[in-house]
Every structure is written in C-alpha cells, then in structure tokens.
C-alpha atoms as a PDB file:
ATOM      1  CA  MET A   1      62.615 140.205 135.127  1.00  0.00           C
ATOM      2  CA  LYS A   2      62.208 136.303 134.953  1.00  0.00           C
ATOM      3  CA  GLU A   3      60.284 136.627 132.104  1.00  0.00           C
ATOM      4  CA  TYR A   4      62.605 138.534 130.153  1.00  0.00           C
ATOM      5  CA  ILE A   5      65.615 136.331 130.723  1.00  0.00           C
ATOM      6  CA  LEU A   6      63.395 133.293 130.029  1.00  0.00           C
ATOM      7  CA  LYS A   7      62.387 134.929 126.917  1.00  0.00           C
ATOM      8  CA  TYR A   8      65.603 136.048 125.554  1.00  0.00           C
ATOM      9  CA  TRP A   9      68.749 135.175 127.340  1.00  0.00           C
ATOM     10  CA  ILE A  10      68.036 131.298 127.619  1.00  0.00           C
ATOM     11  CA  GLY A  11      67.250 131.467 123.678  1.00  0.00           C
ATOM     12  CA  PHE A  12      70.721 133.302 123.251  1.00  0.00           C
ATOM     13  CA  THR A  13      72.643 131.185 125.073  1.00  0.00           C
ATOM     14  CA  PHE A  14      71.238 128.214 123.462  1.00  0.00           C
ATOM     15  CA  GLY A  15      72.024 129.462 120.085  1.00  0.00           C
ATOM     16  CA  ILE A  16      75.436 130.564 121.090  1.00  0.00           C
ATOM     17  CA  ILE A  17      76.077 127.042 122.433  1.00  0.00           C
ATOM     18  CA  THR A  18      74.617 125.659 118.808  1.00  0.00           C
ATOM     19  CA  SER A  19      76.758 127.996 116.983  1.00  0.00           C
ATOM     20  CA  ALA A  20      80.040 127.015 118.930  1.00  0.00           C
ATOM     21  CA  ILE A  21      79.174 123.239 118.567  1.00  0.00           C
ATOM     22  CA  CYS A  22      78.822 123.655 114.840  1.00  0.00           C
ATOM     23  CA  GLY A  23      81.866 125.528 114.440  1.00  0.00           C
ATOM     24  CA  LEU A  24      83.849 122.854 116.418  1.00  0.00           C
ATOM     25  CA  TRP A  25      82.585 120.169 114.242  1.00  0.00           C
ATOM     26  CA  LYS A  26      83.435 121.836 111.229  1.00  0.00           C
ATOM     27  CA  GLY A  27      86.898 122.236 112.536  1.00  0.00           C
ATOM     28  CA  TYR A  28      86.988 118.985 113.145  1.00  0.00           C
ATOM     29  CA  GLU A  29      85.756 117.716 109.577  1.00  0.00           C
ATOM     30  CA  THR A  30      88.330 119.938 108.116  1.00  0.00           C
ATOM     31  CA  LEU A  31      91.273 118.562 109.957  1.00  0.00           C
ATOM     32  CA  HIS A  32      90.121 115.081 109.841  1.00  0.00           C
ATOM     33  CA  LYS A  33      90.414 115.842 105.908  1.00  0.00           C
ATOM     34  CA  LYS A  34      93.713 117.264 106.085  1.00  0.00           C
ATOM     35  CA  ASN A  35      94.837 114.337 108.099  1.00  0.00           C
ATOM     36  CA  CYS A  36      93.683 111.726 105.893  1.00  0.00           C
ATOM     37  CA  ALA A  37      95.265 113.528 102.772  1.00  0.00           C
ATOM     38  CA  THR A  38      98.781 113.552 104.713  1.00  0.00           C
ATOM     39  CA  GLN A  39      98.507 109.979 105.454  1.00  0.00           C
ATOM     40  CA  SER A  40      97.763 109.171 101.771  1.00  0.00           C
ATOM     41  CA  GLY A  41     100.382 111.436 100.664  1.00  0.00           C
ATOM     42  CA  VAL A  42     103.011 109.897 103.337  1.00  0.00           C
ATOM     43  CA  GLN A  43     101.717 106.211 101.981  1.00  0.00           C
ATOM     44  CA  ALA A  44     102.262 107.181  98.388  1.00  0.00           C
ATOM     45  CA  LEU A  45     105.919 108.395  99.227  1.00  0.00           C
ATOM     46  CA  LEU A  46     106.688 105.105 101.081  1.00  0.00           C
ATOM     47  CA  ARG A  47     105.431 103.069  98.320  1.00  0.00           C
ATOM     48  CA  ALA A  48     107.576 104.976  95.698  1.00  0.00           C
ATOM     49  CA  GLN A  49     110.511 104.648  97.808  1.00  0.00           C
ATOM     50  CA  ILE A  50     110.207 100.776  98.090  1.00  0.00           C
ATOM     51  CA  ILE A  51     109.514 100.362  94.460  1.00  0.00           C
ATOM     52  CA  GLN A  52     112.499 102.438  93.807  1.00  0.00           C
ATOM     53  CA  VAL A  53     114.947 100.700  96.091  1.00  0.00           C
ATOM     54  CA  TYR A  54     113.125  97.401  94.687  1.00  0.00           C
ATOM     55  CA  ASN A  55     114.178  98.120  91.168  1.00  0.00           C
ATOM     56  CA  LYS A  56     117.959  99.330  92.228  1.00  0.00           C
ATOM     57  CA  TYR A  57     118.635  96.056  94.077  1.00  0.00           C
ATOM     58  CA  ILE A  58     116.763  93.653  91.723  1.00  0.00           C
ATOM     59  CA  GLU A  59     119.310  94.735  88.761  1.00  0.00           C
ATOM     60  CA  ARG A  60     122.018  94.715  91.052  1.00  0.00           C
ATOM     61  CA  GLY A  61     121.161  91.150  92.011  1.00  0.00           C
ATOM     62  CA  TYR A  62     121.968  91.747  95.944  1.00  0.00           C
ATOM     63  CA  LEU A  63     120.351  93.344  98.814  1.00  0.00           C
ATOM     64  CA  PRO A  64     122.931  94.671 101.382  1.00  0.00           C
ATOM     65  CA  ILE A  65     122.165  94.067 105.208  1.00  0.00           C
ATOM     66  CA  TYR A  66     121.868  97.871 105.667  1.00  0.00           C
ATOM     67  CA  GLU A  67     119.532  98.233 102.955  1.00  0.00           C
ATOM     68  CA  ARG A  68     117.279  95.520 103.925  1.00  0.00           C
ATOM     69  CA  GLU A  69     117.157  97.064 107.521  1.00  0.00           C
ATOM     70  CA  ASN A  70     116.031 100.532 105.852  1.00  0.00           C
ATOM     71  CA  ILE A  71     113.373  98.772 103.617  1.00  0.00           C
ATOM     72  CA  ASP A  72     112.152  96.643 106.453  1.00  0.00           C
ATOM     73  CA  GLU A  73     111.207 100.118 108.111  1.00  0.00           C
ATOM     74  CA  LEU A  74     109.752 101.487 105.077  1.00  0.00           C
ATOM     75  CA  CYS A  75     107.617  98.849 104.819  1.00  0.00           C
ATOM     76  CA  ASN A  76     106.340  98.298 108.421  1.00  0.00           C
ATOM     77  CA  GLN A  77     105.432 101.982 108.434  1.00  0.00           C
ATOM     78  CA  TYR A  78     103.758 101.534 104.901  1.00  0.00           C
ATOM     79  CA  LYS A  79     101.632  98.623 106.289  1.00  0.00           C
ATOM     80  CA  ALA A  80     100.782 100.799 109.492  1.00  0.00           C
ATOM     81  CA  LEU A  81      99.210 103.292 106.887  1.00  0.00           C
ATOM     82  CA  GLY A  82      97.014 100.692 105.410  1.00  0.00           C
ATOM     83  CA  GLY A  83      99.260  99.671 102.651  1.00  0.00           C
ATOM     84  CA  ASN A  84      98.483  96.868 100.378  1.00  0.00           C
ATOM     85  CA  GLY A  85      99.696  93.218  99.542  1.00  0.00           C
ATOM     86  CA  VAL A  86     101.750  94.543  96.205  1.00  0.00           C
ATOM     87  CA  ILE A  87     104.708  95.953  98.172  1.00  0.00           C
ATOM     88  CA  THR A  88     104.473  92.541 100.427  1.00  0.00           C
ATOM     89  CA  GLY A  89     105.020  90.763  96.862  1.00  0.00           C
ATOM     90  CA  LEU A  90     108.132  93.299  96.148  1.00  0.00           C
ATOM     91  CA  MET A  91     109.455  92.590  99.388  1.00  0.00           C
ATOM     92  CA  GLU A  92     109.353  88.670  99.049  1.00  0.00           C
ATOM     93  CA  LYS A  93     111.271  89.193  96.022  1.00  0.00           C
ATOM     94  CA  LEU A  94     114.216  91.494  97.655  1.00  0.00           C
ATOM     95  CA  TYR A  95     114.220  88.814 100.870  1.00  0.00           C
ATOM     96  CA  GLU A  96     115.365  86.235  98.214  1.00  0.00           C
ATOM     97  CA  LEU A  97     118.298  88.027  96.994  1.00  0.00           C
ATOM     98  CA  PRO A  98     121.863  87.649  98.553  1.00  0.00           C
ATOM     99  CA  THR A  99     123.320  90.313 100.765  1.00  0.00           C
ATOM    100  CA  GLU A 100     126.481  90.519  99.128  1.00  0.00           C
ATOM    101  CA  LYS A 101     127.682  90.672  95.397  1.00  0.00           C
ATOM    102  CA  GLY A 102     127.777  87.385  93.955  1.00  0.00           C
ATOM    103  CA  GLY A 103     126.805  86.047  97.406  1.00  0.00           C
ATOM    104  CA  LEU A 104     124.486  82.993  97.919  1.00  0.00           C
ATOM    105  CA  ARG A 105     121.059  83.661  98.004  1.00  0.00           C
ATOM    106  CA  ASN A 106     119.052  83.929 101.593  1.00  0.00           C
ATOM    107  CA  GLY A 107     116.730  81.352 102.693  1.00  0.00           C
END
C-alpha cells in the first residue's frame, strides 16, 4: 500500500500543485497586463485633459483659481502614473497667467 501511495499519489499531488501554481501565475500575468493598460489609458486621458485646459486658458489669457486647483490635481495624478516633463512645461506657462481676466500676471 505504501508503494502504491508513493508511486502514484505523491506524483499526482505534485502535478496538481504544479498545475495550480502555473494557473495562478498565468492569471497574475493577465491581471498585471490589464492593470498596466488601464494605468496607461488613465495617464493618456489626464494628459489630454491637461492639454485641453492649457489651450483653453492660454487663449483666454487668464487661469481662474478654481481651474488652477483642478489642473493641479490632474497634474499630480498624471505624475503619480509616471507622466513626463512635457506637461510640467505647460503647467509652468499656465501658472504665469493671471487669475482674473485683465489681471496682473502671477509670480
């Protein structure tokens, strides 16, 4: 009986364990790829929104306080997702704008 258990059941048990580990690993890889794609998509949406706000307020010539707070938060989240320095340059130009129409420049 011992020989039967050693010969078949131990091999069977290790096979089941190995299959389970491989299945879990494949599931992890799939989930990781989807997570990376989601993060990249959110980053792209944030970048597009920041650029849209930039274009709007550069054209108007001022940046209201409430919009500055909003774009600050967008920029913080963009950077947290690994955003690059191009947006930083746009933000610096926005911060130079006055907060009211016809107002003095900040800084």
